Amino acid sequence: MLLLFNTKGPTGLEIDITGTTADVWASYMATYEAALSIKQLNAKKVLRAITLDESRDFIVYITLL
């Protein structure tokens, strides 16, 4: 399966490479969705930390967002 050849260390990413191709794909998607959720949470945290105060220029604030 090309997915395994294009993934560096699939077992290190906790992708189960045993079983059928469908099983490997399901394991890959579960890992991807978990990583995506973590990235979304981190992005939300960063966006919530950006605040506009009197000392910051509005254009800089919008650029950071």
Protein backbone atom coordinates (compact mmCIF):
# COMPACT_ATOMS: atom_id res chain seq x y z
CA MET A 1 0.00 0.00 0.00
CA LEU A 2 1.40 3.38 -1.00
CA LEU A 3 0.31 4.95 2.26
CA LEU A 4 2.87 2.91 4.18
CA PHE A 5 5.66 3.77 1.75
CA ASN A 6 4.89 7.49 2.06
CA THR A 7 4.65 7.52 5.85
CA LYS A 8 7.85 7.73 7.86
CA GLY A 9 7.62 5.33 10.78
CA PRO A 10 3.94 4.33 10.61
CA THR A 11 4.27 2.18 13.73
CA GLY A 12 5.80 5.13 15.59
CA LEU A 13 2.66 7.09 14.71
CA GLU A 14 0.60 4.27 16.22
CA ILE A 15 -0.80 3.28 12.83
CA ASP A 16 -1.75 -0.39 12.94
CA ILE A 17 -0.18 -1.92 9.84
CA THR A 18 -1.54 -5.41 10.41
CA GLY A 19 -4.74 -6.64 8.83
CA THR A 20 -6.42 -5.59 5.63
CA THR A 21 -5.93 -2.40 3.69
CA ALA A 22 -9.23 -1.15 5.07
CA ASP A 23 -7.98 -1.76 8.62
CA VAL A 24 -4.76 0.14 7.95
CA TRP A 25 -6.72 3.02 6.41
CA ALA A 26 -9.08 3.18 9.40
CA SER A 27 -6.11 3.24 11.77
CA TYR A 28 -4.44 5.99 9.70
CA MET A 29 -7.60 8.11 9.68
CA ALA A 30 -8.07 7.72 13.44
CA THR A 31 -4.50 8.92 14.01
CA TYR A 32 -4.98 11.81 11.56
CA GLU A 33 -8.24 12.91 13.20
CA ALA A 34 -6.65 12.87 16.65
CA ALA A 35 -3.71 14.98 15.42
CA LEU A 36 -6.09 17.36 13.68
CA SER A 37 -8.10 17.84 16.87
CA ILE A 38 -4.95 18.69 18.80
CA LYS A 39 -3.89 21.20 16.13
CA GLN A 40 -7.32 22.82 16.20
CA LEU A 41 -7.21 23.15 19.99
CA ASN A 42 -3.74 24.73 19.81
CA ALA A 43 -4.88 27.18 17.12
CA LYS A 44 -7.88 28.22 19.21
CA LYS A 45 -5.61 28.73 22.23
CA VAL A 46 -3.29 30.99 20.22
CA LEU A 47 -6.18 33.00 18.77
CA ARG A 48 -7.75 33.50 22.19
CA ALA A 49 -4.43 34.77 23.56
CA ILE A 50 -4.28 37.58 20.98
CA THR A 51 -5.89 40.63 22.52
CA LEU A 52 -6.26 44.23 21.53
CA ASP A 53 -5.13 46.69 24.13
CA GLU A 54 -4.51 50.42 24.00
CA SER A 55 -0.78 50.03 23.37
CA ARG A 56 -1.22 47.81 20.27
CA ASP A 57 -1.96 49.15 16.81
CA PHE A 58 -5.23 47.88 15.33
CA ILE A 59 -3.57 46.91 12.04
CA VAL A 60 -1.03 44.78 13.93
CA TYR A 61 -3.88 43.15 15.85
CA ILE A 62 -5.75 42.25 12.64
CA THR A 63 -2.54 40.97 11.06
CA LEU A 64 -1.93 38.65 14.00
CA LEU A 65 -5.45 37.28 13.71
